[in-house]
Amino acid sequence: MKNQWTKIGFIAIAIIALWWIFIQKGCSPEFDTKPYEHKIDSLENRIDSIKQENDSLEAGIQYLEETNTYLTDRVDGLKDKVAILKDDLKDAEKALVYTPTQVDSFFMFQYPVQFASLSEDTTHLPLEVSKQIVVDVKQLGISKEVIKFQDSTILGLDTLVKNKDKIIIDLRKKEENYIAIDKDRVEQGKNYQIQIDGLKKEVSKKNWKLKMGKFEKVIIGVAGLAAGILIK
């Protein structure tokens, strides 16, 4: 009788051991994917924000490039005008061969108000001096135009340089943003992999529970049968 109860005790211990294994293996906390999904969504939102910033940078770069194209054409046009004016400076020296009538016509056209007013001044300049004055007046007017166009050219070139510097800065920022996007994509991939691995373990646990459930029924049946036989 004592041996029978000993055998029953061993069977009970075996059943309890199997049940403990079943509990430890199959009833551990379920894998929670929500923290990883939240992390992935957060990364995706940041990636979208970076993409929007890059779109804005690209639009700004395009505008600066179009502005630079306009400025380049304008500067080229100003340089052409300056070149023409420099030729006009040389042409002004043609006044040195003016006739007295041409000299008078020039001054009358240049100073119509003064010529229209009566004056008791009867000063007469030598013709050669008058011719040189005509040359000087013409060259002074042309020189003023040259300076004005050259100032505009310098301003245009300065703006061109600043725009190019800004384009370089924006292109570097875009590159940094693309690198940041790549890093976030890698981080997303890691979180996806964690979920995949966790879900694989979850599937493995479910399969284990199914197998152990079947095995448990067999063991319990056999143990019950053995106990019945031993009791008899």
C-alpha atoms as a PDB file:
ATOM      1  CA  MET A   1       0.000   0.000   0.000  1.00  0.00           C
ATOM      2  CA  LYS A   2       2.832   2.298   0.892  1.00  0.00           C
ATOM      3  CA  ASN A   3       4.480   1.709  -2.510  1.00  0.00           C
ATOM      4  CA  GLN A   4       1.230   2.561  -4.218  1.00  0.00           C
ATOM      5  CA  TRP A   5       0.984   5.916  -2.456  1.00  0.00           C
ATOM      6  CA  THR A   6       4.627   6.562  -3.245  1.00  0.00           C
ATOM      7  CA  LYS A   7       3.939   5.969  -6.919  1.00  0.00           C
ATOM      8  CA  ILE A   8       0.895   8.209  -6.768  1.00  0.00           C
ATOM      9  CA  GLY A   9       3.053  10.897  -5.147  1.00  0.00           C
ATOM     10  CA  PHE A  10       5.626  10.674  -7.956  1.00  0.00           C
ATOM     11  CA  ILE A  11       2.853  10.897 -10.537  1.00  0.00           C
ATOM     12  CA  ALA A  12       1.403  13.960  -8.782  1.00  0.00           C
ATOM     13  CA  ILE A  13       4.817  15.597  -8.630  1.00  0.00           C
ATOM     14  CA  ALA A  14       5.333  14.887 -12.349  1.00  0.00           C
ATOM     15  CA  ILE A  15       1.962  16.436 -13.196  1.00  0.00           C
ATOM     16  CA  ILE A  16       2.718  19.500 -11.065  1.00  0.00           C
ATOM     17  CA  ALA A  17       6.149  19.841 -12.718  1.00  0.00           C
ATOM     18  CA  LEU A  18       4.605  19.659 -16.183  1.00  0.00           C
ATOM     19  CA  TRP A  19       1.996  22.186 -15.188  1.00  0.00           C
ATOM     20  CA  TRP A  20       4.672  24.560 -13.853  1.00  0.00           C
ATOM     21  CA  ILE A  21       6.612  24.283 -17.126  1.00  0.00           C
ATOM     22  CA  PHE A  22       3.408  24.994 -19.010  1.00  0.00           C
ATOM     23  CA  ILE A  23       2.733  28.079 -16.901  1.00  0.00           C
ATOM     24  CA  GLN A  24       6.312  29.425 -17.242  1.00  0.00           C
ATOM     25  CA  LYS A  25       6.593  28.778 -20.963  1.00  0.00           C
ATOM     26  CA  GLY A  26       3.125  29.580 -22.168  1.00  0.00           C
ATOM     27  CA  CYS A  27       1.703  32.183 -19.792  1.00  0.00           C
ATOM     28  CA  SER A  28       4.385  34.877 -19.754  1.00  0.00           C
ATOM     29  CA  PRO A  29       3.193  38.456 -20.530  1.00  0.00           C
ATOM     30  CA  GLU A  30       2.167  39.038 -24.143  1.00  0.00           C
ATOM     31  CA  PHE A  31       4.453  41.082 -26.372  1.00  0.00           C
ATOM     32  CA  ASP A  32       3.212  44.708 -26.646  1.00  0.00           C
ATOM     33  CA  THR A  33       3.798  46.302 -30.067  1.00  0.00           C
ATOM     34  CA  LYS A  34       2.275  49.698 -29.193  1.00  0.00           C
ATOM     35  CA  PRO A  35       5.479  51.386 -27.893  1.00  0.00           C
ATOM     36  CA  TYR A  36       7.305  50.435 -31.093  1.00  0.00           C
ATOM     37  CA  GLU A  37       4.396  51.501 -33.304  1.00  0.00           C
ATOM     38  CA  HIS A  38       4.338  54.856 -31.487  1.00  0.00           C
ATOM     39  CA  LYS A  39       8.094  55.247 -32.021  1.00  0.00           C
ATOM     40  CA  ILE A  40       7.743  54.437 -35.734  1.00  0.00           C
ATOM     41  CA  ASP A  41       4.881  56.937 -36.122  1.00  0.00           C
ATOM     42  CA  SER A  42       6.904  59.584 -34.297  1.00  0.00           C
ATOM     43  CA  LEU A  43       9.860  58.998 -36.618  1.00  0.00           C
ATOM     44  CA  GLU A  44       7.577  59.153 -39.660  1.00  0.00           C
ATOM     45  CA  ASN A  45       6.179  62.501 -38.508  1.00  0.00           C
ATOM     46  CA  ARG A  46       9.710  63.834 -38.082  1.00  0.00           C
ATOM     47  CA  ILE A  47      10.663  62.554 -41.541  1.00  0.00           C
ATOM     48  CA  ASP A  48       7.605  64.292 -43.046  1.00  0.00           C
ATOM     49  CA  SER A  49       8.609  67.527 -41.304  1.00  0.00           C
ATOM     50  CA  ILE A  50      12.158  67.266 -42.661  1.00  0.00           C
ATOM     51  CA  LYS A  51      10.817  66.602 -46.165  1.00  0.00           C
ATOM     52  CA  GLN A  52       8.651  69.720 -45.936  1.00  0.00           C
ATOM     53  CA  GLU A  53      11.680  71.734 -44.853  1.00  0.00           C
ATOM     54  CA  ASN A  54      13.650  70.377 -47.823  1.00  0.00           C
ATOM     55  CA  ASP A  55      10.790  71.288 -50.186  1.00  0.00           C
ATOM     56  CA  SER A  56      10.872  74.823 -48.779  1.00  0.00           C
ATOM     57  CA  LEU A  57      14.667  74.954 -49.154  1.00  0.00           C
ATOM     58  CA  GLU A  58      14.398  73.703 -52.742  1.00  0.00           C
ATOM     59  CA  ALA A  59      11.830  76.383 -53.578  1.00  0.00           C
ATOM     60  CA  GLY A  60      14.130  79.023 -52.064  1.00  0.00           C
ATOM     61  CA  ILE A  61      17.133  77.699 -53.985  1.00  0.00           C
ATOM     62  CA  GLN A  62      15.170  77.742 -57.236  1.00  0.00           C
ATOM     63  CA  TYR A  63      14.100  81.344 -56.598  1.00  0.00           C
ATOM     64  CA  LEU A  64      17.701  82.392 -55.859  1.00  0.00           C
ATOM     65  CA  GLU A  65      18.950  80.648 -59.009  1.00  0.00           C
ATOM     66  CA  GLU A  66      16.304  82.400 -61.112  1.00  0.00           C
ATOM     67  CA  THR A  67      17.228  85.718 -59.476  1.00  0.00           C
ATOM     68  CA  ASN A  68      20.896  85.069 -60.197  1.00  0.00           C
ATOM     69  CA  THR A  69      20.120  84.343 -63.835  1.00  0.00           C
ATOM     70  CA  TYR A  70      18.320  87.697 -64.059  1.00  0.00           C
ATOM     71  CA  LEU A  71      21.159  89.475 -62.238  1.00  0.00           C
ATOM     72  CA  THR A  72      23.775  87.880 -64.491  1.00  0.00           C
ATOM     73  CA  ASP A  73      21.930  89.119 -67.590  1.00  0.00           C
ATOM     74  CA  ARG A  74      21.549  92.560 -66.009  1.00  0.00           C
ATOM     75  CA  VAL A  75      25.238  92.764 -65.076  1.00  0.00           C
ATOM     76  CA  ASP A  76      26.229  91.700 -68.589  1.00  0.00           C
ATOM     77  CA  GLY A  77      23.951  94.421 -69.985  1.00  0.00           C
ATOM     78  CA  LEU A  78      25.466  97.028 -67.673  1.00  0.00           C
ATOM     79  CA  LYS A  79      28.972  95.996 -68.708  1.00  0.00           C
ATOM     80  CA  ASP A  80      27.978  96.427 -72.347  1.00  0.00           C
ATOM     81  CA  LYS A  81      26.610  99.902 -71.595  1.00  0.00           C
ATOM     82  CA  VAL A  82      29.801 100.852 -69.766  1.00  0.00           C
ATOM     83  CA  ALA A  83      31.859  99.662 -72.751  1.00  0.00           C
ATOM     84  CA  ILE A  84      29.727 101.785 -75.091  1.00  0.00           C
ATOM     85  CA  LEU A  85      30.066 104.813 -72.811  1.00  0.00           C
ATOM     86  CA  LYS A  86      33.842 104.409 -72.742  1.00  0.00           C
ATOM     87  CA  ASP A  87      33.802 104.551 -76.534  1.00  0.00           C
ATOM     88  CA  ASP A  88      31.669 107.684 -76.231  1.00  0.00           C
ATOM     89  CA  LEU A  89      34.383 109.207 -74.038  1.00  0.00           C
ATOM     90  CA  LYS A  90      36.778 108.879 -76.933  1.00  0.00           C
ATOM     91  CA  ASP A  91      34.167 110.208 -79.348  1.00  0.00           C
ATOM     92  CA  ALA A  92      33.798 113.323 -77.173  1.00  0.00           C
ATOM     93  CA  GLU A  93      37.263 114.349 -78.295  1.00  0.00           C
ATOM     94  CA  LYS A  94      35.838 114.879 -81.788  1.00  0.00           C
ATOM     95  CA  ALA A  95      34.586 118.221 -80.460  1.00  0.00           C
ATOM     96  CA  LEU A  96      38.164 119.439 -80.784  1.00  0.00           C
ATOM     97  CA  VAL A  97      37.549 119.825 -84.515  1.00  0.00           C
ATOM     98  CA  TYR A  98      34.152 121.573 -84.150  1.00  0.00           C
ATOM     99  CA  THR A  99      33.483 124.723 -86.165  1.00  0.00           C
ATOM    100  CA  PRO A 100      32.449 127.867 -84.273  1.00  0.00           C
ATOM    101  CA  THR A 101      28.828 127.212 -85.316  1.00  0.00           C
ATOM    102  CA  GLN A 102      28.961 123.672 -83.878  1.00  0.00           C
ATOM    103  CA  VAL A 103      30.437 124.993 -80.643  1.00  0.00           C
ATOM    104  CA  ASP A 104      27.663 127.587 -80.349  1.00  0.00           C
ATOM    105  CA  SER A 105      25.024 124.948 -81.136  1.00  0.00           C
ATOM    106  CA  PHE A 106      26.377 122.675 -78.426  1.00  0.00           C
ATOM    107  CA  PHE A 107      26.257 125.381 -75.737  1.00  0.00           C
ATOM    108  CA  MET A 108      22.844 126.570 -76.828  1.00  0.00           C
ATOM    109  CA  PHE A 109      21.507 123.021 -76.589  1.00  0.00           C
ATOM    110  CA  GLN A 110      23.311 122.287 -73.307  1.00  0.00           C
ATOM    111  CA  TYR A 111      22.377 125.610 -71.616  1.00  0.00           C
ATOM    112  CA  PRO A 112      19.169 126.871 -73.249  1.00  0.00           C
ATOM    113  CA  VAL A 113      17.974 128.855 -70.209  1.00  0.00           C
ATOM    114  CA  GLN A 114      21.252 130.700 -69.824  1.00  0.00           C
ATOM    115  CA  PHE A 115      21.363 131.546 -73.544  1.00  0.00           C
ATOM    116  CA  ALA A 116      17.799 132.832 -73.417  1.00  0.00           C
ATOM    117  CA  SER A 117      18.579 135.349 -70.655  1.00  0.00           C
ATOM    118  CA  LEU A 118      20.014 138.775 -71.482  1.00  0.00           C
ATOM    119  CA  SER A 119      23.493 139.455 -70.238  1.00  0.00           C
ATOM    120  CA  GLU A 120      25.855 142.417 -70.444  1.00  0.00           C
ATOM    121  CA  ASP A 121      28.815 140.049 -70.276  1.00  0.00           C
ATOM    122  CA  THR A 122      30.679 140.262 -73.544  1.00  0.00           C
ATOM    123  CA  THR A 123      33.434 137.839 -72.634  1.00  0.00           C
ATOM    124  CA  HIS A 124      34.596 135.774 -75.569  1.00  0.00           C
ATOM    125  CA  LEU A 125      36.662 132.633 -75.054  1.00  0.00           C
ATOM    126  CA  PRO A 126      39.182 131.557 -77.647  1.00  0.00           C
ATOM    127  CA  LEU A 127      37.703 128.908 -79.951  1.00  0.00           C
ATOM    128  CA  GLU A 128      40.196 126.236 -78.878  1.00  0.00           C
ATOM    129  CA  VAL A 129      39.331 126.796 -75.229  1.00  0.00           C
ATOM    130  CA  SER A 130      35.624 126.534 -76.026  1.00  0.00           C
ATOM    131  CA  LYS A 131      36.252 123.287 -77.899  1.00  0.00           C
ATOM    132  CA  GLN A 132      38.085 121.819 -74.916  1.00  0.00           C
ATOM    133  CA  ILE A 133      35.237 122.889 -72.636  1.00  0.00           C
ATOM    134  CA  VAL A 134      32.822 121.061 -74.944  1.00  0.00           C
ATOM    135  CA  VAL A 135      34.984 117.933 -74.659  1.00  0.00           C
ATOM    136  CA  ASP A 136      35.156 118.254 -70.869  1.00  0.00           C
ATOM    137  CA  VAL A 137      31.408 118.759 -70.526  1.00  0.00           C
ATOM    138  CA  LYS A 138      30.646 115.763 -72.722  1.00  0.00           C
ATOM    139  CA  GLN A 139      33.127 113.544 -70.920  1.00  0.00           C
ATOM    140  CA  LEU A 140      31.822 114.657 -67.518  1.00  0.00           C
ATOM    141  CA  GLY A 141      28.275 113.659 -68.447  1.00  0.00           C
ATOM    142  CA  ILE A 142      29.462 110.336 -69.838  1.00  0.00           C
ATOM    143  CA  SER A 143      31.630 109.701 -66.785  1.00  0.00           C
ATOM    144  CA  LYS A 144      28.630 110.204 -64.512  1.00  0.00           C
ATOM    145  CA  GLU A 145      26.713 107.590 -66.502  1.00  0.00           C
ATOM    146  CA  VAL A 146      29.694 105.231 -66.346  1.00  0.00           C
ATOM    147  CA  ILE A 147      29.889 105.593 -62.566  1.00  0.00           C
ATOM    148  CA  LYS A 148      26.139 104.999 -62.227  1.00  0.00           C
ATOM    149  CA  PHE A 149      26.263 101.831 -64.322  1.00  0.00           C
ATOM    150  CA  GLN A 150      29.401 100.598 -62.578  1.00  0.00           C
ATOM    151  CA  ASP A 151      27.741 101.106 -59.172  1.00  0.00           C
ATOM    152  CA  SER A 152      24.759  99.097 -60.393  1.00  0.00           C
ATOM    153  CA  THR A 153      27.133  96.422 -61.684  1.00  0.00           C
ATOM    154  CA  ILE A 154      28.935  96.191 -58.341  1.00  0.00           C
ATOM    155  CA  LEU A 155      25.607  95.980 -56.500  1.00  0.00           C
ATOM    156  CA  GLY A 156      24.414  93.238 -58.855  1.00  0.00           C
ATOM    157  CA  LEU A 157      27.637  91.260 -58.443  1.00  0.00           C
ATOM    158  CA  ASP A 158      27.475  91.635 -54.659  1.00  0.00           C
ATOM    159  CA  THR A 159      23.905  90.291 -54.654  1.00  0.00           C
ATOM    160  CA  LEU A 160      24.989  87.436 -56.914  1.00  0.00           C
ATOM    161  CA  VAL A 161      27.723  86.426 -54.474  1.00  0.00           C
ATOM    162  CA  LYS A 162      25.370  86.605 -51.486  1.00  0.00           C
ATOM    163  CA  ASN A 163      22.767  84.525 -53.315  1.00  0.00           C
ATOM    164  CA  LYS A 164      25.351  81.889 -54.233  1.00  0.00           C
ATOM    165  CA  ASP A 165      26.523  81.728 -50.608  1.00  0.00           C
ATOM    166  CA  LYS A 166      22.904  81.290 -49.496  1.00  0.00           C
ATOM    167  CA  ILE A 167      22.395  78.529 -52.083  1.00  0.00           C
ATOM    168  CA  ILE A 168      25.477  76.687 -50.771  1.00  0.00           C
ATOM    169  CA  ILE A 169      24.197  76.975 -47.181  1.00  0.00           C
ATOM    170  CA  ASP A 170      20.747  75.700 -48.187  1.00  0.00           C
ATOM    171  CA  LEU A 171      22.231  72.803 -50.162  1.00  0.00           C
ATOM    172  CA  ARG A 172      24.294  71.789 -47.123  1.00  0.00           C
ATOM    173  CA  LYS A 173      21.168  71.966 -44.956  1.00  0.00           C
ATOM    174  CA  LYS A 174      19.323  69.761 -47.437  1.00  0.00           C
ATOM    175  CA  GLU A 175      22.164  67.239 -47.326  1.00  0.00           C
ATOM    176  CA  GLU A 176      22.078  67.228 -43.509  1.00  0.00           C
ATOM    177  CA  ASN A 177      18.318  66.672 -43.658  1.00  0.00           C
ATOM    178  CA  TYR A 178      18.702  63.726 -46.030  1.00  0.00           C
ATOM    179  CA  ILE A 179      21.237  62.185 -43.641  1.00  0.00           C
ATOM    180  CA  ALA A 180      18.781  62.702 -40.762  1.00  0.00           C
ATOM    181  CA  ILE A 181      16.032  61.017 -42.806  1.00  0.00           C
ATOM    182  CA  ASP A 182      18.307  58.033 -43.495  1.00  0.00           C
ATOM    183  CA  LYS A 183      19.058  57.694 -39.763  1.00  0.00           C
ATOM    184  CA  ASP A 184      15.364  57.823 -38.901  1.00  0.00           C
ATOM    185  CA  ARG A 185      14.607  55.199 -41.552  1.00  0.00           C
ATOM    186  CA  VAL A 186      17.251  52.939 -40.012  1.00  0.00           C
ATOM    187  CA  GLU A 187      15.704  53.507 -36.570  1.00  0.00           C
ATOM    188  CA  GLN A 188      12.293  52.660 -37.985  1.00  0.00           C
ATOM    189  CA  GLY A 189      13.718  49.466 -39.438  1.00  0.00           C
ATOM    190  CA  LYS A 190      15.096  48.481 -36.037  1.00  0.00           C
ATOM    191  CA  ASN A 191      11.699  49.023 -34.412  1.00  0.00           C
ATOM    192  CA  TYR A 192       9.993  46.973 -37.127  1.00  0.00           C
ATOM    193  CA  GLN A 193      12.522  44.178 -36.540  1.00  0.00           C
ATOM    194  CA  ILE A 194      11.890  44.262 -32.775  1.00  0.00           C
ATOM    195  CA  GLN A 195       8.180  43.859 -33.462  1.00  0.00           C
ATOM    196  CA  ILE A 196       8.795  41.006 -35.875  1.00  0.00           C
ATOM    197  CA  ASP A 197      11.038  39.197 -33.388  1.00  0.00           C
ATOM    198  CA  GLY A 198       8.559  39.788 -30.565  1.00  0.00           C
ATOM    199  CA  LEU A 199       5.626  38.532 -32.601  1.00  0.00           C
ATOM    200  CA  LYS A 200       7.614  35.466 -33.643  1.00  0.00           C
ATOM    201  CA  LYS A 201       8.150  34.675 -29.961  1.00  0.00           C
ATOM    202  CA  GLU A 202       4.450  35.271 -29.356  1.00  0.00           C
ATOM    203  CA  VAL A 203       3.554  32.800 -32.112  1.00  0.00           C
ATOM    204  CA  SER A 204       6.048  30.347 -30.661  1.00  0.00           C
ATOM    205  CA  LYS A 205       4.367  30.669 -27.242  1.00  0.00           C
ATOM    206  CA  LYS A 206       0.934  30.061 -28.748  1.00  0.00           C
ATOM    207  CA  ASN A 207       2.191  26.940 -30.510  1.00  0.00           C
ATOM    208  CA  TRP A 208       3.796  25.774 -27.270  1.00  0.00           C
ATOM    209  CA  LYS A 209       0.534  26.248 -25.395  1.00  0.00           C
ATOM    210  CA  LEU A 210      -1.342  24.237 -28.014  1.00  0.00           C
ATOM    211  CA  LYS A 211       1.166  21.399 -27.851  1.00  0.00           C
ATOM    212  CA  MET A 212       1.331  21.451 -24.076  1.00  0.00           C
ATOM    213  CA  GLY A 213      -2.454  21.522 -23.852  1.00  0.00           C
ATOM    214  CA  LYS A 214      -2.663  18.310 -25.852  1.00  0.00           C
ATOM    215  CA  PHE A 215       0.214  16.761 -23.935  1.00  0.00           C
ATOM    216  CA  GLU A 216      -1.324  17.828 -20.652  1.00  0.00           C
ATOM    217  CA  LYS A 217      -4.562  16.020 -21.471  1.00  0.00           C
ATOM    218  CA  VAL A 218      -2.678  12.842 -22.328  1.00  0.00           C
ATOM    219  CA  ILE A 219      -0.574  13.015 -19.138  1.00  0.00           C
ATOM    220  CA  ILE A 220      -3.581  13.709 -16.958  1.00  0.00           C
ATOM    221  CA  GLY A 221      -5.464  10.842 -18.601  1.00  0.00           C
ATOM    222  CA  VAL A 222      -2.569   8.461 -18.162  1.00  0.00           C
ATOM    223  CA  ALA A 223      -1.983   9.649 -14.610  1.00  0.00           C
ATOM    224  CA  GLY A 224      -5.657   9.183 -13.767  1.00  0.00           C
ATOM    225  CA  LEU A 225      -5.682   5.756 -15.285  1.00  0.00           C
ATOM    226  CA  ALA A 226      -2.484   4.803 -13.437  1.00  0.00           C
ATOM    227  CA  ALA A 227      -3.859   6.138 -10.179  1.00  0.00           C
ATOM    228  CA  GLY A 228      -7.042   4.175 -10.657  1.00  0.00           C
ATOM    229  CA  ILE A 229      -5.124   0.985 -11.305  1.00  0.00           C
ATOM    230  CA  LEU A 230      -2.834   1.545  -8.315  1.00  0.00           C
ATOM    231  CA  ILE A 231      -5.728   2.276  -5.972  1.00  0.00           C
ATOM    232  CA  LYS A 232      -7.410  -0.943  -6.943  1.00  0.00           C
END
